[in-house]
Amino acid sequence: MDIQTLTSFFMWCTVINGALLMLWTSICIFTPDLVYRTQSKWFPIPRETFNVVIYSFLGLFKIFFLVFNAVPYVALLVVG
């Protein structure tokens, strides 16, 4: 596998996961009540706990996105 193939792979991983991150963030910012109502039908938890959990997962996804997608893509761009 050559550097161009890896660079292309990580570019598309970064684009797709970045779009998912922006979509999830915008949904949590603009419609938090809808997200809570939908999820509380399946998992009955208090609103404060839900806020902590959803924003913790959002932060964890952002860290994984940066570490496993964006940083390798930038490193391959520098090396290539």
N, C-alpha and C. Protein backbone atom coordinates (compact mmCIF):
# COMPACT_ATOMS: atom_id res chain seq x y z
N MET A 1 0.86 -1.17 0.00
CA MET A 1 0.00 0.00 0.00
C MET A 1 0.90 1.23 0.00
N ASP A 2 0.65 2.13 -0.91
CA ASP A 2 1.51 3.32 -1.02
C ASP A 2 0.93 4.50 -0.25
N ILE A 3 1.73 5.55 -0.15
CA ILE A 3 1.34 6.73 0.63
C ILE A 3 0.13 7.43 0.03
N GLN A 4 0.01 7.45 -1.28
CA GLN A 4 -1.13 8.13 -1.91
C GLN A 4 -2.45 7.44 -1.55
N THR A 5 -2.46 6.11 -1.52
CA THR A 5 -3.67 5.37 -1.14
C THR A 5 -4.02 5.63 0.32
N LEU A 6 -3.03 5.60 1.20
CA LEU A 6 -3.28 5.89 2.62
C LEU A 6 -3.76 7.32 2.82
N THR A 7 -3.17 8.25 2.11
CA THR A 7 -3.59 9.64 2.23
C THR A 7 -5.03 9.81 1.78
N SER A 8 -5.38 9.17 0.68
CA SER A 8 -6.76 9.24 0.19
C SER A 8 -7.73 8.60 1.19
N PHE A 9 -7.33 7.46 1.76
CA PHE A 9 -8.17 6.78 2.74
C PHE A 9 -8.42 7.66 3.96
N PHE A 10 -7.35 8.23 4.51
CA PHE A 10 -7.51 9.06 5.71
C PHE A 10 -8.21 10.37 5.39
N MET A 11 -8.08 10.87 4.18
CA MET A 11 -8.82 12.07 3.80
C MET A 11 -10.32 11.80 3.84
N TRP A 12 -10.75 10.69 3.25
CA TRP A 12 -12.18 10.38 3.26
C TRP A 12 -12.68 10.01 4.65
N CYS A 13 -11.86 9.34 5.44
CA CYS A 13 -12.25 9.07 6.83
C CYS A 13 -12.44 10.37 7.60
N THR A 14 -11.55 11.33 7.38
CA THR A 14 -11.64 12.62 8.05
C THR A 14 -12.88 13.38 7.60
N VAL A 15 -13.17 13.36 6.31
CA VAL A 15 -14.34 14.06 5.79
C VAL A 15 -15.63 13.45 6.34
N ILE A 16 -15.74 12.14 6.27
CA ILE A 16 -16.97 11.47 6.72
C ILE A 16 -17.17 11.62 8.23
N ASN A 17 -16.13 11.35 9.01
CA ASN A 17 -16.26 11.47 10.47
C ASN A 17 -16.41 12.93 10.91
N GLY A 18 -15.78 13.86 10.20
CA GLY A 18 -15.97 15.28 10.51
C GLY A 18 -17.40 15.72 10.25
N ALA A 19 -18.00 15.21 9.17
CA ALA A 19 -19.40 15.53 8.88
C ALA A 19 -20.32 14.95 9.95
N LEU A 20 -20.04 13.72 10.39
CA LEU A 20 -20.84 13.13 11.46
C LEU A 20 -20.71 13.92 12.76
N LEU A 21 -19.49 14.36 13.06
CA LEU A 21 -19.26 15.16 14.27
C LEU A 21 -20.02 16.48 14.20
N MET A 22 -19.98 17.15 13.06
CA MET A 22 -20.71 18.42 12.92
C MET A 22 -22.22 18.20 12.97
N LEU A 23 -22.71 17.13 12.36
CA LEU A 23 -24.15 16.83 12.40
C LEU A 23 -24.60 16.56 13.83
N TRP A 24 -23.87 15.71 14.55
CA TRP A 24 -24.22 15.37 15.92
C TRP A 24 -24.16 16.61 16.81
N THR A 25 -23.15 17.44 16.64
CA THR A 25 -23.03 18.65 17.43
C THR A 25 -24.18 19.61 17.15
N SER A 26 -24.51 19.80 15.88
CA SER A 26 -25.60 20.73 15.54
C SER A 26 -26.94 20.22 16.04
N ILE A 27 -27.16 18.92 15.99
CA ILE A 27 -28.42 18.38 16.52
C ILE A 27 -28.49 18.60 18.03
N CYS A 28 -27.38 18.37 18.73
CA CYS A 28 -27.38 18.56 20.18
C CYS A 28 -27.52 20.03 20.57
N ILE A 29 -27.04 20.95 19.72
CA ILE A 29 -27.13 22.38 20.03
C ILE A 29 -28.52 22.93 19.71
N PHE A 30 -29.04 22.57 18.54
CA PHE A 30 -30.28 23.20 18.07
C PHE A 30 -31.55 22.49 18.50
N THR A 31 -31.50 21.19 18.78
CA THR A 31 -32.71 20.48 19.20
C THR A 31 -32.43 19.56 20.39
N PRO A 32 -31.95 20.11 21.51
CA PRO A 32 -31.64 19.23 22.64
C PRO A 32 -32.88 18.59 23.26
N ASP A 33 -34.02 19.29 23.25
CA ASP A 33 -35.23 18.72 23.83
C ASP A 33 -35.73 17.53 23.01
N LEU A 34 -35.65 17.63 21.70
CA LEU A 34 -36.07 16.53 20.84
C LEU A 34 -35.18 15.30 21.07
N VAL A 35 -33.89 15.52 21.19
CA VAL A 35 -32.97 14.41 21.43
C VAL A 35 -33.27 13.77 22.78
N TYR A 36 -33.51 14.59 23.79
CA TYR A 36 -33.80 14.05 25.12
C TYR A 36 -35.12 13.28 25.13
N ARG A 37 -36.15 13.83 24.51
CA ARG A 37 -37.44 13.13 24.48
C ARG A 37 -37.33 11.80 23.75
N THR A 38 -36.61 11.78 22.65
CA THR A 38 -36.45 10.54 21.89
C THR A 38 -35.69 9.50 22.69
N GLN A 39 -34.59 9.89 23.29
CA GLN A 39 -33.78 8.94 24.03
C GLN A 39 -34.40 8.52 25.36
N SER A 40 -35.16 9.41 25.98
CA SER A 40 -35.74 9.06 27.28
C SER A 40 -36.87 8.05 27.14
N LYS A 41 -37.38 7.85 25.93
CA LYS A 41 -38.38 6.79 25.74
C LYS A 41 -37.72 5.42 25.88
N TRP A 42 -36.44 5.30 25.49
CA TRP A 42 -35.74 4.03 25.58
C TRP A 42 -34.96 3.89 26.87
N PHE A 43 -34.36 4.98 27.33
CA PHE A 43 -33.51 4.96 28.52
C PHE A 43 -34.00 6.02 29.50
N PRO A 44 -34.82 5.65 30.47
CA PRO A 44 -35.35 6.65 31.41
C PRO A 44 -34.28 7.14 32.40
N ILE A 45 -33.66 8.28 32.08
CA ILE A 45 -32.68 8.88 32.97
C ILE A 45 -33.04 10.35 33.15
N PRO A 46 -32.59 10.95 34.25
CA PRO A 46 -32.86 12.38 34.47
C PRO A 46 -32.17 13.25 33.41
N ARG A 47 -32.71 14.43 33.20
CA ARG A 47 -32.19 15.34 32.18
C ARG A 47 -30.73 15.73 32.44
N GLU A 48 -30.37 15.97 33.69
CA GLU A 48 -29.00 16.37 34.00
C GLU A 48 -28.02 15.25 33.67
N THR A 49 -28.38 14.03 33.99
CA THR A 49 -27.53 12.88 33.67
C THR A 49 -27.41 12.71 32.16
N PHE A 50 -28.52 12.90 31.46
CA PHE A 50 -28.51 12.80 30.01
C PHE A 50 -27.58 13.83 29.39
N ASN A 51 -27.62 15.06 29.89
CA ASN A 51 -26.73 16.10 29.36
C ASN A 51 -25.26 15.74 29.55
N VAL A 52 -24.93 15.22 30.73
CA VAL A 52 -23.54 14.83 30.99
C VAL A 52 -23.13 13.69 30.06
N VAL A 53 -23.99 12.72 29.89
CA VAL A 53 -23.66 11.56 29.05
C VAL A 53 -23.51 11.97 27.59
N ILE A 54 -24.44 12.74 27.06
CA ILE A 54 -24.41 13.07 25.64
C ILE A 54 -23.21 13.95 25.31
N TYR A 55 -22.89 14.91 26.16
CA TYR A 55 -21.75 15.77 25.89
C TYR A 55 -20.42 15.06 26.17
N SER A 56 -20.43 14.08 27.06
CA SER A 56 -19.22 13.27 27.26
C SER A 56 -18.93 12.42 26.03
N PHE A 57 -19.97 11.80 25.48
CA PHE A 57 -19.78 11.02 24.26
C PHE A 57 -19.38 11.91 23.09
N LEU A 58 -19.93 13.11 23.03
CA LEU A 58 -19.55 14.05 21.97
C LEU A 58 -18.07 14.43 22.09
N GLY A 59 -17.62 14.69 23.29
CA GLY A 59 -16.21 15.00 23.50
C GLY A 59 -15.30 13.82 23.21
N LEU A 60 -15.72 12.63 23.59
CA LEU A 60 -14.94 11.43 23.31
C LEU A 60 -14.84 11.18 21.80
N PHE A 61 -15.94 11.38 21.09
CA PHE A 61 -15.93 11.21 19.63
C PHE A 61 -15.00 12.23 18.98
N LYS A 62 -15.00 13.45 19.51
CA LYS A 62 -14.13 14.49 18.97
C LYS A 62 -12.66 14.13 19.18
N ILE A 63 -12.31 13.60 20.34
CA ILE A 63 -10.94 13.20 20.61
C ILE A 63 -10.54 12.05 19.69
N PHE A 64 -11.41 11.04 19.54
CA PHE A 64 -11.12 9.93 18.63
C PHE A 64 -10.99 10.41 17.19
N PHE A 65 -11.84 11.35 16.79
CA PHE A 65 -11.77 11.90 15.44
C PHE A 65 -10.42 12.56 15.20
N LEU A 66 -9.98 13.35 16.14
CA LEU A 66 -8.70 14.04 15.98
C LEU A 66 -7.52 13.06 15.98
N VAL A 67 -7.53 12.12 16.92
CA VAL A 67 -6.38 11.22 17.08
C VAL A 67 -6.30 10.19 15.95
N PHE A 68 -7.44 9.62 15.54
CA PHE A 68 -7.41 8.51 14.60
C PHE A 68 -7.73 8.91 13.16
N ASN A 69 -8.13 10.16 12.90
CA ASN A 69 -8.44 10.56 11.54
C ASN A 69 -7.65 11.78 11.10
N ALA A 70 -7.79 12.87 11.82
CA ALA A 70 -7.19 14.12 11.38
C ALA A 70 -5.66 14.11 11.50
N VAL A 71 -5.14 13.65 12.61
CA VAL A 71 -3.69 13.65 12.82
C VAL A 71 -2.98 12.72 11.83
N PRO A 72 -3.45 11.48 11.60
CA PRO A 72 -2.77 10.66 10.59
C PRO A 72 -2.85 11.27 9.19
N TYR A 73 -3.98 11.90 8.86
CA TYR A 73 -4.10 12.53 7.54
C TYR A 73 -3.09 13.67 7.38
N VAL A 74 -2.96 14.51 8.39
CA VAL A 74 -2.00 15.61 8.33
C VAL A 74 -0.57 15.06 8.29
N ALA A 75 -0.29 14.02 9.05
CA ALA A 75 1.04 13.42 9.04
C ALA A 75 1.37 12.85 7.66
N LEU A 76 0.42 12.22 7.02
CA LEU A 76 0.65 11.69 5.68
C LEU A 76 0.84 12.81 4.66
N LEU A 77 0.14 13.91 4.84
CA LEU A 77 0.34 15.05 3.96
C LEU A 77 1.75 15.62 4.11
N VAL A 78 2.24 15.67 5.34
CA VAL A 78 3.59 16.20 5.59
C VAL A 78 4.63 15.24 5.02
N VAL A 79 4.47 13.96 5.23
CA VAL A 79 5.43 12.97 4.75
C VAL A 79 5.41 12.89 3.22
N GLY A 80 4.19 12.92 2.65
CA GLY A 80 4.06 12.77 1.19
C GLY A 80 4.50 13.99 0.49
